[in-house]
């Protein structure tokens, strides 16, 4: 995960489907019980559920690639 993720300015990126992102984060939160190594990353990505941008969606797909 990027070290200064919260400082990343993502206002220039397009919006994406919020429902799909919420479902994906929910599934990943379920995996946190078995994989504590992704806990911090999932927590950080779940903070962007209200103002979701494409950069957040791409970062969440990187988590899937890691798994």
N, C-alpha and C. Protein backbone atom coordinates (compact mmCIF):
# COMPACT_ATOMS: atom_id res chain seq x y z
N UNK A 1 0.84 -1.18 0.00
CA UNK A 1 0.00 0.00 0.00
C UNK A 1 0.88 1.24 0.00
N UNK A 2 0.41 2.29 -0.62
CA UNK A 2 1.14 3.54 -0.67
C UNK A 2 1.25 4.12 0.73
N UNK A 3 2.42 4.63 1.09
CA UNK A 3 2.65 5.11 2.45
C UNK A 3 1.79 6.32 2.78
N UNK A 4 1.71 7.29 1.90
CA UNK A 4 0.96 8.52 2.16
C UNK A 4 -0.41 8.49 1.48
N UNK A 5 -1.13 7.41 1.65
CA UNK A 5 -2.38 7.22 0.93
C UNK A 5 -3.42 8.28 1.26
N UNK A 6 -3.53 8.68 2.52
CA UNK A 6 -4.56 9.65 2.89
C UNK A 6 -4.26 11.04 2.33
N UNK A 7 -3.01 11.31 2.01
CA UNK A 7 -2.65 12.60 1.46
C UNK A 7 -2.82 12.66 -0.05
N UNK A 8 -3.13 11.53 -0.66
CA UNK A 8 -3.30 11.48 -2.10
C UNK A 8 -4.54 12.26 -2.50
N UNK A 9 -4.37 13.18 -3.41
CA UNK A 9 -5.48 14.02 -3.85
C UNK A 9 -6.18 13.33 -5.01
N UNK A 10 -7.37 12.87 -4.79
CA UNK A 10 -8.08 12.07 -5.79
C UNK A 10 -9.29 12.79 -6.36
N UNK A 11 -9.34 14.10 -6.28
CA UNK A 11 -10.54 14.80 -6.74
C UNK A 11 -10.62 14.89 -8.25
N UNK A 12 -9.52 14.63 -8.97
CA UNK A 12 -9.53 14.74 -10.42
C UNK A 12 -9.99 13.46 -11.10
N UNK A 13 -10.21 12.41 -10.36
CA UNK A 13 -10.56 11.13 -10.95
C UNK A 13 -12.07 10.95 -11.03
N UNK A 14 -12.50 10.10 -11.94
CA UNK A 14 -13.93 9.86 -12.14
C UNK A 14 -14.53 9.02 -11.02
N UNK A 15 -15.82 9.16 -10.87
CA UNK A 15 -16.55 8.34 -9.92
C UNK A 15 -16.79 6.95 -10.50
N UNK A 16 -16.91 5.96 -9.64
CA UNK A 16 -17.19 4.58 -10.07
C UNK A 16 -18.42 4.08 -9.31
N UNK A 17 -18.83 2.85 -9.62
CA UNK A 17 -20.04 2.27 -9.03
C UNK A 17 -19.85 2.03 -7.53
N UNK A 18 -20.61 2.72 -6.73
CA UNK A 18 -20.47 2.65 -5.29
C UNK A 18 -20.96 1.32 -4.73
N UNK A 19 -22.01 0.76 -5.30
CA UNK A 19 -22.56 -0.51 -4.81
C UNK A 19 -21.57 -1.65 -4.97
N UNK A 20 -20.94 -1.72 -6.12
CA UNK A 20 -19.96 -2.77 -6.37
C UNK A 20 -18.76 -2.64 -5.42
N UNK A 21 -18.33 -1.41 -5.17
CA UNK A 21 -17.20 -1.18 -4.26
C UNK A 21 -17.56 -1.61 -2.84
N UNK A 22 -18.77 -1.28 -2.40
CA UNK A 22 -19.20 -1.67 -1.05
C UNK A 22 -19.28 -3.19 -0.90
N UNK A 23 -19.75 -3.87 -1.93
CA UNK A 23 -19.81 -5.32 -1.88
C UNK A 23 -18.41 -5.92 -1.81
N UNK A 24 -17.48 -5.36 -2.57
CA UNK A 24 -16.11 -5.87 -2.57
C UNK A 24 -15.44 -5.63 -1.22
N UNK A 25 -15.62 -4.46 -0.64
CA UNK A 25 -15.04 -4.18 0.68
C UNK A 25 -15.67 -5.08 1.73
N UNK A 26 -16.96 -5.35 1.64
CA UNK A 26 -17.62 -6.26 2.58
C UNK A 26 -17.05 -7.66 2.51
N UNK A 27 -16.80 -8.13 1.30
CA UNK A 27 -16.19 -9.46 1.15
C UNK A 27 -14.77 -9.48 1.70
N UNK A 28 -14.03 -8.41 1.47
CA UNK A 28 -12.66 -8.35 1.98
C UNK A 28 -12.63 -8.23 3.50
N UNK A 29 -13.64 -7.56 4.09
CA UNK A 29 -13.72 -7.49 5.55
C UNK A 29 -13.96 -8.87 6.16
N UNK A 30 -14.69 -9.70 5.45
CA UNK A 30 -14.90 -11.06 5.90
C UNK A 30 -13.57 -11.82 5.92
N UNK A 31 -12.71 -11.57 4.95
CA UNK A 31 -11.42 -12.24 4.88
C UNK A 31 -10.43 -11.77 5.95
N UNK A 32 -10.67 -10.60 6.53
CA UNK A 32 -9.76 -10.07 7.55
C UNK A 32 -9.67 -11.01 8.75
N UNK A 33 -10.75 -11.76 9.01
CA UNK A 33 -10.72 -12.71 10.13
C UNK A 33 -9.69 -13.81 9.92
N UNK A 34 -9.49 -14.18 8.67
CA UNK A 34 -8.53 -15.23 8.36
C UNK A 34 -7.18 -14.71 7.90
N UNK A 35 -7.14 -13.49 7.40
CA UNK A 35 -5.90 -12.91 6.88
C UNK A 35 -5.63 -11.57 7.56
N UNK A 36 -5.05 -11.55 8.75
CA UNK A 36 -4.82 -10.27 9.44
C UNK A 36 -3.78 -9.38 8.77
N UNK A 37 -3.04 -9.89 7.79
CA UNK A 37 -2.04 -9.07 7.12
C UNK A 37 -2.67 -8.00 6.22
N UNK A 38 -3.95 -8.14 5.88
CA UNK A 38 -4.60 -7.14 5.05
C UNK A 38 -5.53 -6.23 5.85
N UNK A 39 -5.51 -6.32 7.14
CA UNK A 39 -6.44 -5.57 8.00
C UNK A 39 -6.28 -4.06 7.83
N UNK A 40 -5.06 -3.56 7.89
CA UNK A 40 -4.83 -2.12 7.78
C UNK A 40 -5.27 -1.59 6.41
N UNK A 41 -4.95 -2.33 5.38
CA UNK A 41 -5.28 -1.89 4.03
C UNK A 41 -6.79 -1.85 3.80
N UNK A 42 -7.49 -2.86 4.26
CA UNK A 42 -8.95 -2.89 4.10
C UNK A 42 -9.60 -1.78 4.92
N UNK A 43 -9.09 -1.53 6.10
CA UNK A 43 -9.61 -0.45 6.93
C UNK A 43 -9.44 0.89 6.23
N UNK A 44 -8.29 1.12 5.65
CA UNK A 44 -8.04 2.38 4.95
C UNK A 44 -8.94 2.52 3.72
N UNK A 45 -9.10 1.45 2.97
CA UNK A 45 -9.93 1.52 1.78
C UNK A 45 -11.42 1.67 2.12
N UNK A 46 -11.83 1.18 3.27
CA UNK A 46 -13.24 1.31 3.65
C UNK A 46 -13.60 2.74 4.06
N UNK A 47 -12.62 3.56 4.32
CA UNK A 47 -12.89 4.95 4.68
C UNK A 47 -13.33 5.79 3.49
N UNK A 48 -13.18 5.27 2.29
CA UNK A 48 -13.52 6.03 1.09
C UNK A 48 -14.85 5.59 0.50
N UNK A 49 -15.73 4.99 1.27
CA UNK A 49 -17.00 4.51 0.75
C UNK A 49 -17.95 5.64 0.38
N UNK A 50 -17.82 6.78 1.01
CA UNK A 50 -18.73 7.89 0.71
C UNK A 50 -18.28 8.70 -0.50
N UNK A 51 -16.97 8.90 -0.64
CA UNK A 51 -16.44 9.69 -1.75
C UNK A 51 -15.48 8.82 -2.56
N UNK A 52 -16.04 7.91 -3.31
CA UNK A 52 -15.25 6.91 -4.02
C UNK A 52 -14.79 7.45 -5.37
N UNK A 53 -13.53 7.23 -5.69
CA UNK A 53 -12.97 7.61 -6.99
C UNK A 53 -12.32 6.40 -7.64
N UNK A 54 -11.97 6.54 -8.88
CA UNK A 54 -11.37 5.43 -9.62
C UNK A 54 -10.06 4.98 -9.01
N UNK A 55 -9.29 5.89 -8.45
CA UNK A 55 -8.01 5.52 -7.85
C UNK A 55 -8.21 4.57 -6.66
N UNK A 56 -9.30 4.72 -5.93
CA UNK A 56 -9.60 3.83 -4.82
C UNK A 56 -10.00 2.44 -5.34
N UNK A 57 -10.75 2.42 -6.43
CA UNK A 57 -11.16 1.16 -7.03
C UNK A 57 -9.93 0.38 -7.52
N UNK A 58 -8.99 1.06 -8.14
CA UNK A 58 -7.77 0.41 -8.63
C UNK A 58 -6.95 -0.13 -7.46
N UNK A 59 -6.87 0.63 -6.39
CA UNK A 59 -6.12 0.17 -5.22
C UNK A 59 -6.77 -1.07 -4.59
N UNK A 60 -8.09 -1.13 -4.60
CA UNK A 60 -8.78 -2.29 -4.05
C UNK A 60 -8.57 -3.51 -4.95
N UNK A 61 -8.50 -3.30 -6.25
CA UNK A 61 -8.20 -4.42 -7.15
C UNK A 61 -6.78 -4.93 -6.93
N UNK A 62 -5.87 -4.08 -6.51
CA UNK A 62 -4.52 -4.52 -6.18
C UNK A 62 -4.53 -5.47 -4.98
N UNK A 63 -5.43 -5.22 -4.04
CA UNK A 63 -5.56 -6.12 -2.89
C UNK A 63 -6.01 -7.50 -3.36
N UNK A 64 -6.95 -7.54 -4.29
CA UNK A 64 -7.40 -8.82 -4.84
C UNK A 64 -6.26 -9.56 -5.53
N UNK A 65 -5.43 -8.82 -6.23
CA UNK A 65 -4.28 -9.46 -6.89
C UNK A 65 -3.31 -10.01 -5.86
N UNK A 66 -3.16 -9.31 -4.74
CA UNK A 66 -2.28 -9.79 -3.67
C UNK A 66 -2.79 -11.11 -3.10
N UNK A 67 -4.09 -11.19 -2.94
CA UNK A 67 -4.67 -12.41 -2.36
C UNK A 67 -4.61 -13.56 -3.34
